N, C-alpha and C. Protein backbone atom coordinates (compact mmCIF):
# COMPACT_ATOMS: atom_id res chain seq x y z
N MET A 1 104.91 67.68 147.91
CA MET A 1 103.93 68.34 148.68
C MET A 1 104.51 69.40 149.83
N ASN A 2 103.71 70.31 150.07
CA ASN A 2 103.62 71.27 151.42
C ASN A 2 104.22 70.81 152.54
N LEU A 3 104.85 71.73 153.35
CA LEU A 3 105.56 71.40 155.01
C LEU A 3 104.07 70.72 155.35
N PRO A 4 102.81 71.68 156.05
CA PRO A 4 102.21 70.76 156.55
C PRO A 4 101.52 69.66 156.29
N ASN A 5 101.31 69.29 154.91
CA ASN A 5 100.80 67.95 153.76
C ASN A 5 102.02 66.94 154.54
N ARG A 6 103.54 67.18 154.58
CA ARG A 6 103.99 66.16 155.04
C ARG A 6 104.49 65.82 156.20
N ILE A 7 104.09 67.20 157.13
CA ILE A 7 103.61 66.79 158.54
C ILE A 7 102.48 66.08 158.93
N THR A 8 101.62 65.87 158.36
CA THR A 8 100.52 65.03 158.09
C THR A 8 100.95 63.80 157.99
N LEU A 9 101.62 63.53 156.98
CA LEU A 9 102.22 61.73 156.28
C LEU A 9 102.85 61.34 157.75
N SER A 10 103.97 62.41 158.14
CA SER A 10 104.32 61.80 159.04
C SER A 10 103.58 61.16 160.37
N ARG A 11 102.46 61.36 160.77
CA ARG A 11 101.34 61.09 161.59
C ARG A 11 100.92 59.44 161.63
N ILE A 12 100.55 59.67 159.90
CA ILE A 12 100.56 58.80 159.23
C ILE A 12 101.15 57.60 159.51
N LEU A 13 102.48 57.88 159.40
CA LEU A 13 103.49 57.05 159.65
C LEU A 13 103.90 56.87 160.53
N LEU A 14 103.58 57.04 161.86
CA LEU A 14 104.25 56.73 163.20
C LEU A 14 102.88 55.38 163.72
N ILE A 15 101.86 55.64 162.96
CA ILE A 15 100.68 54.58 163.29
C ILE A 15 101.03 53.54 163.37
N PRO A 16 102.06 52.82 162.29
CA PRO A 16 102.03 51.19 162.50
C PRO A 16 102.59 51.25 163.65
N VAL A 17 103.95 51.78 163.98
CA VAL A 17 104.88 51.78 165.10
C VAL A 17 104.09 52.00 166.35
N PHE A 18 103.02 52.96 166.48
CA PHE A 18 102.00 52.56 167.91
C PHE A 18 101.13 51.46 167.65
N ILE A 19 100.89 51.58 166.23
CA ILE A 19 100.16 49.68 166.78
C ILE A 19 101.07 48.58 167.21
N LEU A 20 102.12 48.59 166.66
CA LEU A 20 103.33 47.75 167.13
C LEU A 20 103.32 47.36 168.68
N LEU A 21 103.92 48.44 169.43
CA LEU A 21 104.27 48.57 170.59
C LEU A 21 103.37 48.46 170.99
N LEU A 22 101.85 48.34 171.02
CA LEU A 22 100.60 47.52 171.36
C LEU A 22 99.99 46.27 171.42
N ALA A 23 100.72 46.14 170.08
CA ALA A 23 99.72 44.70 169.70
C ALA A 23 100.92 43.43 170.35
N LEU A 24 101.91 43.62 169.66
CA LEU A 24 102.90 43.26 170.52
C LEU A 24 103.18 42.62 171.75
N PRO A 25 103.63 41.38 172.25
CA PRO A 25 103.88 40.69 173.51
C PRO A 25 104.70 41.83 174.53
N LEU A 26 105.23 42.48 174.44
CA LEU A 26 106.18 43.21 174.55
C LEU A 26 106.42 43.63 176.38
N ASP A 27 106.98 43.42 176.96
CA ASP A 27 106.81 43.24 178.77
C ASP A 27 108.48 43.71 179.33
N TRP A 28 108.13 45.06 179.59
CA TRP A 28 109.18 46.21 179.86
C TRP A 28 109.08 46.79 180.88
N GLY A 29 108.19 45.63 182.00
CA GLY A 29 107.89 46.00 183.23
C GLY A 29 107.02 46.96 183.07
N VAL A 30 106.84 47.24 184.98
CA VAL A 30 105.58 48.21 184.77
C VAL A 30 106.02 49.76 186.18
N ILE A 31 105.43 50.74 185.72
CA ILE A 31 105.27 51.58 186.62
C ILE A 31 104.23 51.59 188.24
N ASP A 32 104.56 51.89 189.40
CA ASP A 32 103.61 51.64 189.99
C ASP A 32 103.20 53.22 190.03
N ILE A 33 102.11 54.15 189.86
CA ILE A 33 101.24 55.22 189.65
C ILE A 33 99.62 55.24 190.62
N GLY A 34 100.07 54.95 191.81
CA GLY A 34 99.12 54.91 192.39
C GLY A 34 98.03 53.50 192.82
N HIS A 35 96.61 54.10 192.31
CA HIS A 35 95.79 52.78 192.26
C HIS A 35 96.06 52.44 191.04
N ASN A 36 96.95 52.46 190.07
CA ASN A 36 97.28 51.70 188.81
C ASN A 36 98.43 51.34 188.89
N GLN A 37 98.79 50.63 187.89
CA GLN A 37 99.70 49.91 187.41
C GLN A 37 100.59 50.69 185.98
N LEU A 38 101.63 51.00 185.29
CA LEU A 38 101.49 51.12 183.95
C LEU A 38 102.52 50.88 183.17
N PRO A 39 101.89 49.99 182.32
CA PRO A 39 103.58 48.93 181.61
C PRO A 39 104.12 50.11 181.01
N VAL A 40 105.65 50.00 181.14
CA VAL A 40 106.10 50.96 180.12
C VAL A 40 105.85 50.98 178.85
N VAL A 41 105.42 49.97 178.25
CA VAL A 41 105.39 50.36 176.80
C VAL A 41 104.20 50.60 176.55
N HIS A 42 103.03 50.69 177.39
CA HIS A 42 101.67 51.10 177.26
C HIS A 42 102.65 52.95 177.49
N LEU A 43 103.53 53.57 178.34
CA LEU A 43 103.75 54.83 178.51
C LEU A 43 104.74 55.14 177.19
N VAL A 44 105.37 54.34 176.63
CA VAL A 44 105.95 54.43 175.50
C VAL A 44 105.08 54.72 174.19
N ALA A 45 103.75 54.05 174.17
CA ALA A 45 102.89 53.92 173.13
C ALA A 45 102.14 55.22 172.99
N ALA A 46 101.94 55.68 175.04
CA ALA A 46 101.09 56.65 175.06
C ALA A 46 102.00 57.99 174.87
N SER A 47 103.16 58.09 174.85
CA SER A 47 104.09 58.90 174.54
C SER A 47 104.33 59.36 172.64
N LEU A 48 104.36 58.22 171.79
CA LEU A 48 104.30 58.27 170.41
C LEU A 48 102.61 58.49 170.22
N PHE A 49 101.76 58.28 170.99
CA PHE A 49 100.39 59.12 170.63
C PHE A 49 100.74 60.26 170.51
N ILE A 50 100.70 61.04 171.84
CA ILE A 50 100.48 62.54 172.14
C ILE A 50 101.89 63.05 170.70
N VAL A 51 102.78 62.59 170.46
CA VAL A 51 103.67 63.17 169.68
C VAL A 51 102.99 63.14 168.19
N ALA A 52 102.61 61.94 167.71
CA ALA A 52 101.14 62.06 167.10
C ALA A 52 100.11 62.98 166.70
N SER A 53 99.53 62.67 167.92
CA SER A 53 98.12 63.69 168.07
C SER A 53 98.84 65.26 167.65
N GLY A 54 99.80 65.66 168.09
CA GLY A 54 100.45 66.60 168.62
C GLY A 54 100.98 67.97 166.82
N THR A 55 101.21 66.56 166.01
CA THR A 55 101.49 66.84 164.13
C THR A 55 99.62 67.55 163.48
N ASP A 56 98.70 67.01 164.46
CA ASP A 56 97.31 67.85 164.44
C ASP A 56 97.52 68.56 164.33
N TRP A 57 97.94 69.33 165.70
CA TRP A 57 97.59 71.38 165.98
C TRP A 57 98.78 71.70 164.84
N ILE A 58 100.28 70.96 164.82
CA ILE A 58 101.20 71.64 164.01
C ILE A 58 100.89 71.65 162.57
N ASP A 59 100.59 70.85 161.33
CA ASP A 59 100.66 71.18 160.76
C ASP A 59 99.35 71.92 160.11
N GLY A 60 98.10 71.67 161.23
CA GLY A 60 97.41 73.11 160.85
C GLY A 60 97.92 74.68 161.38
N TYR A 61 98.80 74.58 161.99
CA TYR A 61 98.89 75.89 162.01
C TYR A 61 99.91 76.53 160.91
N PHE A 62 101.10 75.55 160.67
CA PHE A 62 101.46 76.13 159.30
C PHE A 62 100.73 75.98 158.33
N ALA A 63 99.71 75.33 157.95
CA ALA A 63 98.64 75.74 156.71
C ALA A 63 98.48 76.76 156.79
N ARG A 64 97.67 77.16 158.00
CA ARG A 64 97.04 78.37 157.85
C ARG A 64 97.99 79.98 158.11
N LYS A 65 99.75 79.49 159.03
CA LYS A 65 100.38 80.40 158.87
C LYS A 65 101.14 81.28 157.79
N LEU A 66 101.41 80.10 156.84
CA LEU A 66 102.14 79.90 155.80
C LEU A 66 101.03 79.95 154.54
N ASN A 67 99.80 80.29 154.54
CA ASN A 67 98.75 80.46 153.80
C ASN A 67 99.14 79.44 152.58
N LEU A 68 98.87 77.59 153.15
CA LEU A 68 99.67 76.64 152.84
C LEU A 68 98.30 75.64 152.62
N VAL A 69 96.73 76.09 153.06
CA VAL A 69 95.75 75.12 152.85
C VAL A 69 95.53 74.51 151.48
N THR A 70 95.67 73.21 151.30
CA THR A 70 95.11 73.04 150.38
C THR A 70 93.94 71.43 150.50
N ASN A 71 94.08 71.25 148.94
CA ASN A 71 92.42 69.97 149.09
C ASN A 71 93.19 68.47 149.51
N LEU A 72 94.28 68.83 149.12
CA LEU A 72 95.12 67.67 149.48
C LEU A 72 94.79 67.29 151.45
N GLY A 73 94.97 68.37 151.68
CA GLY A 73 95.42 68.87 153.00
C GLY A 73 94.26 68.94 154.00
N LYS A 74 93.17 69.76 153.11
CA LYS A 74 91.89 69.25 153.55
C LYS A 74 91.29 67.87 153.98
N PHE A 75 91.67 66.68 153.33
CA PHE A 75 91.41 65.46 153.11
C PHE A 75 92.18 64.72 153.63
N LEU A 76 93.34 64.87 154.18
CA LEU A 76 94.51 63.75 154.66
C LEU A 76 94.33 63.92 155.57
N ASP A 77 94.27 65.55 156.21
CA ASP A 77 94.45 65.70 158.11
C ASP A 77 93.30 65.31 158.61
N PRO A 78 91.88 65.29 157.94
CA PRO A 78 91.20 64.58 158.97
C PRO A 78 91.32 62.93 158.97
N MET A 79 91.27 62.40 157.48
CA MET A 79 92.16 61.00 157.68
C MET A 79 93.06 60.33 158.73
N ALA A 80 94.00 61.12 158.80
CA ALA A 80 95.15 60.67 159.43
C ALA A 80 94.33 60.89 161.04
N ASP A 81 94.03 62.00 161.66
CA ASP A 81 92.77 61.43 162.19
C ASP A 81 92.37 60.12 162.97
N LYS A 82 91.48 60.16 161.90
CA LYS A 82 90.65 59.06 161.88
C LYS A 82 91.57 57.49 161.92
N LEU A 83 92.65 57.38 161.07
CA LEU A 83 93.25 56.46 161.06
C LEU A 83 94.46 56.57 162.85
N LEU A 84 94.87 57.32 163.32
CA LEU A 84 95.00 57.28 164.44
C LEU A 84 94.67 56.73 165.67
N VAL A 85 93.13 57.56 165.66
CA VAL A 85 92.50 57.29 166.48
C VAL A 85 91.13 56.24 166.54
N SER A 86 91.62 55.19 165.22
CA SER A 86 90.67 54.27 164.93
C SER A 86 91.78 53.06 165.99
N ALA A 87 93.19 53.40 165.22
CA ALA A 87 94.05 52.38 165.50
C ALA A 87 93.52 52.09 167.25
N ALA A 88 93.93 53.62 168.04
CA ALA A 88 93.88 53.37 169.37
C ALA A 88 92.52 53.36 169.91
N PHE A 89 91.79 53.54 169.63
CA PHE A 89 90.43 52.66 170.10
C PHE A 89 90.28 51.11 170.05
N ILE A 90 90.85 50.67 169.00
CA ILE A 90 91.07 49.37 168.72
C ILE A 90 92.01 48.51 169.64
N LEU A 91 92.95 49.58 169.83
CA LEU A 91 93.88 48.84 170.74
C LEU A 91 93.25 48.83 172.09
N LEU A 92 92.71 49.78 172.40
CA LEU A 92 92.00 50.06 173.74
C LEU A 92 91.36 48.57 174.07
N ILE A 93 90.47 48.39 172.98
CA ILE A 93 89.24 47.49 173.35
C ILE A 93 90.29 45.85 173.93
N GLU A 94 91.40 46.25 173.35
CA GLU A 94 92.00 44.72 173.29
C GLU A 94 92.97 44.74 174.37
N LEU A 95 93.28 45.97 175.16
CA LEU A 95 93.80 45.98 176.33
C LEU A 95 92.96 45.99 177.95
N LYS A 96 91.95 45.84 177.23
CA LYS A 96 90.38 46.07 178.05
C LYS A 96 90.42 47.35 178.53
N LEU A 97 90.42 48.73 177.98
CA LEU A 97 90.54 49.69 178.96
C LEU A 97 89.47 50.89 178.15
N VAL A 98 88.59 50.05 176.82
CA VAL A 98 87.99 50.95 176.67
C VAL A 98 86.35 50.04 176.69
N PRO A 99 85.44 50.46 176.50
CA PRO A 99 83.87 48.95 176.13
C PRO A 99 83.64 49.39 174.49
N ALA A 100 83.60 48.08 174.13
CA ALA A 100 83.99 48.36 172.57
C ALA A 100 82.60 49.30 172.15
N TRP A 101 81.11 48.80 173.00
CA TRP A 101 80.36 49.49 172.23
C TRP A 101 80.43 51.22 171.91
N ILE A 102 81.52 51.72 173.13
CA ILE A 102 81.49 53.39 172.22
C ILE A 102 82.47 53.17 171.23
N VAL A 103 83.36 52.10 170.99
CA VAL A 103 84.41 52.13 170.09
C VAL A 103 83.31 52.23 168.83
N ILE A 104 82.93 51.36 168.96
CA ILE A 104 81.21 50.84 167.78
C ILE A 104 80.74 52.00 167.25
N ILE A 105 79.99 53.36 168.58
CA ILE A 105 79.66 54.35 168.10
C ILE A 105 80.43 55.72 167.33
N ILE A 106 82.00 55.72 167.83
CA ILE A 106 82.71 56.55 167.61
C ILE A 106 83.33 56.26 166.02
N LEU A 107 83.54 55.12 165.81
CA LEU A 107 84.00 54.29 164.12
C LEU A 107 82.91 55.19 163.15
N SER A 108 81.49 54.42 164.26
CA SER A 108 80.39 54.19 163.18
C SER A 108 80.32 56.13 162.28
N ARG A 109 80.32 56.97 163.55
CA ARG A 109 80.51 58.02 162.94
C ARG A 109 81.64 58.50 162.21
N GLU A 110 82.64 58.01 162.26
CA GLU A 110 83.59 58.61 161.46
C GLU A 110 83.56 57.71 160.10
N PHE A 111 83.06 56.89 159.73
CA PHE A 111 83.06 56.44 158.58
C PHE A 111 81.61 56.83 157.96
N ALA A 112 80.96 57.08 158.65
CA ALA A 112 79.78 57.81 158.02
C ALA A 112 80.12 59.23 157.10
N VAL A 113 80.90 60.11 158.25
CA VAL A 113 81.21 61.61 157.47
C VAL A 113 82.44 61.10 156.78
N THR A 114 83.37 60.02 157.06
CA THR A 114 84.54 59.57 155.90
C THR A 114 83.01 59.42 154.48
N GLY A 115 82.25 58.93 154.53
CA GLY A 115 81.49 58.85 153.48
C GLY A 115 81.03 59.75 152.97
N LEU A 116 80.31 60.36 153.58
CA LEU A 116 80.14 62.02 153.03
C LEU A 116 80.84 62.32 152.43
N ARG A 117 81.85 62.71 153.10
CA ARG A 117 82.94 63.22 152.67
C ARG A 117 83.41 62.80 150.61
N LEU A 118 83.73 61.48 150.76
CA LEU A 118 83.91 60.90 149.61
C LEU A 118 82.55 61.19 148.58
N VAL A 119 81.03 61.14 148.74
CA VAL A 119 80.30 61.68 147.83
C VAL A 119 80.94 63.22 147.85
N ALA A 120 80.53 64.11 148.46
CA ALA A 120 81.52 64.86 147.95
C ALA A 120 82.38 65.46 147.70
N ALA A 121 83.37 64.80 147.68
CA ALA A 121 84.50 64.80 146.84
C ALA A 121 83.71 64.37 145.71
N GLY A 122 82.83 63.29 145.04
CA GLY A 122 82.58 62.93 143.45
C GLY A 122 81.75 64.69 143.43
N GLU A 123 81.78 64.79 143.75
CA GLU A 123 80.57 66.20 143.05
C GLU A 123 81.27 67.13 142.93
N GLY A 124 82.75 66.74 143.31
CA GLY A 124 83.77 68.29 143.73
C GLY A 124 83.62 69.00 144.50
N ILE A 125 83.10 68.59 145.45
CA ILE A 125 83.08 69.43 146.64
C ILE A 125 83.66 68.58 147.95
N VAL A 126 84.89 69.47 148.38
CA VAL A 126 85.48 69.28 149.85
C VAL A 126 85.40 69.76 150.95
N LEU A 127 84.48 68.97 152.16
CA LEU A 127 83.96 69.12 153.10
C LEU A 127 85.15 69.58 153.81
N ALA A 128 85.27 70.41 154.52
CA ALA A 128 86.39 70.93 155.89
C ALA A 128 85.83 70.51 157.49
N ALA A 129 86.42 69.81 158.06
CA ALA A 129 85.89 69.84 159.27
C ALA A 129 85.27 71.05 159.89
N GLY A 130 84.67 71.43 160.62
CA GLY A 130 84.14 71.74 161.44
C GLY A 130 84.43 72.25 163.30
N ASN A 131 83.79 73.57 163.47
CA ASN A 131 84.83 73.38 165.06
C ASN A 131 84.15 72.66 166.15
N LEU A 132 82.88 71.73 165.70
CA LEU A 132 82.51 70.26 166.85
C LEU A 132 83.04 69.72 166.24
N GLY A 133 83.88 69.55 164.98
CA GLY A 133 84.45 68.07 164.92
C GLY A 133 86.10 67.72 165.50
N LYS A 134 86.28 69.59 165.43
CA LYS A 134 87.86 69.52 166.21
C LYS A 134 87.59 69.12 167.31
N TRP A 135 86.79 69.69 168.15
CA TRP A 135 86.51 69.77 169.60
C TRP A 135 86.24 67.91 169.96
N LYS A 136 85.47 67.64 169.31
CA LYS A 136 85.46 66.32 169.18
C LYS A 136 86.71 65.82 168.85
N THR A 137 87.42 65.89 168.61
CA THR A 137 89.00 65.11 167.97
C THR A 137 89.66 65.64 169.47
N THR A 138 89.60 66.59 169.61
CA THR A 138 90.44 66.90 170.69
C THR A 138 90.63 65.76 172.38
N PHE A 139 89.01 66.05 172.59
CA PHE A 139 88.41 65.11 173.58
C PHE A 139 88.76 63.51 173.42
N GLN A 140 88.50 63.10 172.20
CA GLN A 140 89.05 62.06 171.54
C GLN A 140 90.64 61.84 171.93
N LEU A 141 91.38 62.44 171.34
CA LEU A 141 93.11 62.33 171.54
C LEU A 141 93.34 62.48 173.09
N VAL A 142 93.11 63.25 174.11
CA VAL A 142 93.12 63.31 175.16
C VAL A 142 92.59 62.24 175.95
N SER A 143 91.37 62.22 175.93
CA SER A 143 91.46 60.75 176.58
C SER A 143 91.91 59.68 176.42
N ILE A 144 92.28 59.46 174.80
CA ILE A 144 93.17 58.03 174.51
C ILE A 144 94.49 57.79 174.96
N ALA A 145 94.84 59.40 175.34
CA ALA A 145 96.58 59.33 175.63
C ALA A 145 96.19 58.79 177.45
N VAL A 146 95.06 59.86 178.17
CA VAL A 146 95.05 59.41 179.16
C VAL A 146 94.75 57.49 179.63
N LEU A 147 93.92 57.60 179.02
CA LEU A 147 93.46 56.14 179.11
C LEU A 147 95.00 54.99 178.99
N LEU A 148 95.53 54.69 177.78
CA LEU A 148 97.08 55.02 177.66
C LEU A 148 97.98 54.71 179.00
N LEU A 149 97.64 55.54 179.41
CA LEU A 149 98.57 56.05 180.48
C LEU A 149 97.73 55.40 182.49
N HIS A 150 96.67 54.60 181.62
CA HIS A 150 96.70 54.26 182.57
C HIS A 150 95.76 54.83 184.21
N ASN A 151 95.33 56.38 183.38
CA ASN A 151 94.66 57.30 183.94
C ASN A 151 95.82 58.09 184.47
N TYR A 152 96.63 58.23 184.53
CA TYR A 152 98.00 58.67 184.91
C TYR A 152 97.85 60.27 184.86
N PRO A 153 98.51 61.01 185.67
CA PRO A 153 98.57 61.44 187.17
C PRO A 153 97.62 60.97 187.72
N PHE A 154 96.33 61.10 187.54
CA PHE A 154 95.10 61.43 188.37
C PHE A 154 94.71 59.73 188.93
N SER A 155 95.79 59.03 188.66
CA SER A 155 95.47 57.63 189.48
C SER A 155 95.91 58.02 190.46
N TYR A 156 97.17 59.12 190.95
CA TYR A 156 97.55 58.82 192.49
C TYR A 156 95.86 59.46 193.59
N LEU A 157 94.88 60.32 193.11
CA LEU A 157 93.71 60.85 193.07
C LEU A 157 92.79 59.58 193.18
N GLY A 158 92.55 58.55 192.46
CA GLY A 158 91.67 57.66 192.73
C GLY A 158 90.49 58.26 191.68
N TRP A 159 90.87 59.66 190.87
CA TRP A 159 90.05 59.97 189.83
C TRP A 159 89.88 59.34 188.57
N PRO A 160 89.02 58.83 187.74
CA PRO A 160 88.52 58.72 186.74
C PRO A 160 88.69 59.40 185.16
N VAL A 161 89.58 60.06 185.22
CA VAL A 161 89.02 61.23 184.39
C VAL A 161 89.46 60.61 182.91
N GLY A 162 89.96 60.13 182.55
CA GLY A 162 90.21 59.49 181.37
C GLY A 162 88.95 58.85 180.94
N GLU A 163 88.06 58.05 182.41
CA GLU A 163 86.96 57.65 181.83
C GLU A 163 85.75 58.60 181.44
N VAL A 164 85.47 59.81 181.94
CA VAL A 164 85.07 60.98 182.31
C VAL A 164 85.27 62.06 180.63
N LEU A 165 86.75 61.49 180.27
CA LEU A 165 86.92 62.44 179.00
C LEU A 165 86.43 61.58 177.44
N LEU A 166 86.38 60.24 177.83
CA LEU A 166 85.88 59.32 176.98
C LEU A 166 84.45 59.60 176.77
N TYR A 167 83.57 59.94 177.81
CA TYR A 167 82.47 59.78 177.87
C TYR A 167 82.12 61.02 176.96
N ILE A 168 83.01 61.97 177.66
CA ILE A 168 82.50 63.68 176.71
C ILE A 168 83.00 63.05 175.44
N ALA A 169 84.08 62.78 174.97
CA ALA A 169 84.70 62.18 173.54
C ALA A 169 83.67 61.66 172.67
N LEU A 170 82.50 60.61 173.64
CA LEU A 170 81.30 59.74 173.08
C LEU A 170 80.61 61.08 172.98
N LEU A 171 80.09 61.90 173.93
CA LEU A 171 78.55 62.73 173.88
C LEU A 171 79.42 63.77 172.62
N LEU A 172 80.22 64.18 172.10
CA LEU A 172 80.97 65.37 171.46
C LEU A 172 81.05 65.05 169.78
N THR A 173 81.26 62.63 169.52
CA THR A 173 81.34 62.71 168.33
C THR A 173 79.95 62.34 167.89
N VAL A 174 78.95 62.37 168.68
CA VAL A 174 77.87 62.18 168.58
C VAL A 174 77.01 63.27 167.71
N ILE A 175 76.99 64.68 168.89
CA ILE A 175 76.74 65.67 168.00
C ILE A 175 77.45 66.28 167.47
N SER A 176 78.59 66.14 166.92
CA SER A 176 78.96 66.59 165.89
C SER A 176 79.11 65.57 165.00
N GLY A 177 78.52 64.72 164.34
CA GLY A 177 78.38 63.84 163.63
C GLY A 177 76.86 64.81 162.95
N VAL A 178 75.86 64.30 164.05
CA VAL A 178 74.38 64.47 163.97
C VAL A 178 74.42 65.98 163.02
N ASP A 179 75.35 67.71 163.67
CA ASP A 179 75.67 68.64 163.10
C ASP A 179 76.44 68.53 161.58
N TYR A 180 77.36 67.95 161.38
CA TYR A 180 77.99 67.68 160.21
C TYR A 180 77.15 67.33 159.37
N PHE A 181 76.07 66.21 159.97
CA PHE A 181 74.97 65.61 158.45
C PHE A 181 74.54 66.97 158.00
N ILE A 182 73.95 67.72 158.85
CA ILE A 182 72.32 68.43 158.69
C ILE A 182 73.24 69.24 158.33
N LYS A 183 74.17 70.21 158.40
CA LYS A 183 74.77 70.94 157.79
C LYS A 183 75.36 70.75 156.07
N ASN A 184 75.56 69.39 156.09
CA ASN A 184 76.03 69.47 154.10
C ASN A 184 74.61 68.04 154.18
N TRP A 185 73.75 67.88 154.37
CA TRP A 185 72.90 67.17 153.59
C TRP A 185 72.49 67.40 152.22
N HIS A 186 72.81 68.73 151.91
CA HIS A 186 72.55 69.16 150.66
C HIS A 186 73.65 68.56 149.51
N VAL A 187 74.57 67.87 150.31
CA VAL A 187 75.46 67.28 149.01
C VAL A 187 74.63 65.80 148.65
N MET A 188 74.44 65.33 149.48
CA MET A 188 73.07 63.80 149.59
C MET A 188 72.53 64.56 148.26
N LYS A 189 71.63 65.39 148.65
CA LYS A 189 70.51 65.92 147.93
C LYS A 189 70.54 65.62 146.78
N GLU A 190 71.94 66.87 146.15
CA GLU A 190 71.84 67.06 144.94
C GLU A 190 73.11 65.79 144.70
N SER A 191 73.06 64.35 145.29
CA SER A 191 74.49 63.53 144.75
C SER A 191 73.43 62.96 143.08
N ASN A 192 73.80 62.54 142.21
CA ASN A 192 73.46 61.70 141.62
C ASN A 192 73.04 60.19 141.79
């Protein structure tokens, strides 16, 4: 397994730790952050999430720089993103920081695209993520981080930046999903 794929795998391995931090009833106190209070465990989980999210950029950088782009990497990288984002959004519902309907739309798109990728893989075709999908992922990751941080540092100003980023991520999720299916519909038509 090459370096970029190992980095992607490390992102997947951080997900259970992230889940445990937010799912277990850990009380490490709170930090006053302006108009909100930030539980310390959320700060730790957000930091871990940011590190895990950063590996998405790092693995792609090394894959391109070292010419180590592989079919495994094209499959594993978006799968790692989906696992991390899905876990985070589900936990954000549990923490009452995100409405469930938004997460349902986002996860539905992710499952639909994964299904299309599986159909393509059955035909021997590997479908890489497009630019809209990369922007979608970026906004999802940033919105999750800001929401986990209870809108810090914008909480001092009373600006709902996390929520705004979430709705931009939702819009990009829908648009990129439609775009992905339009561009790759031939896979469905040609499938047996």
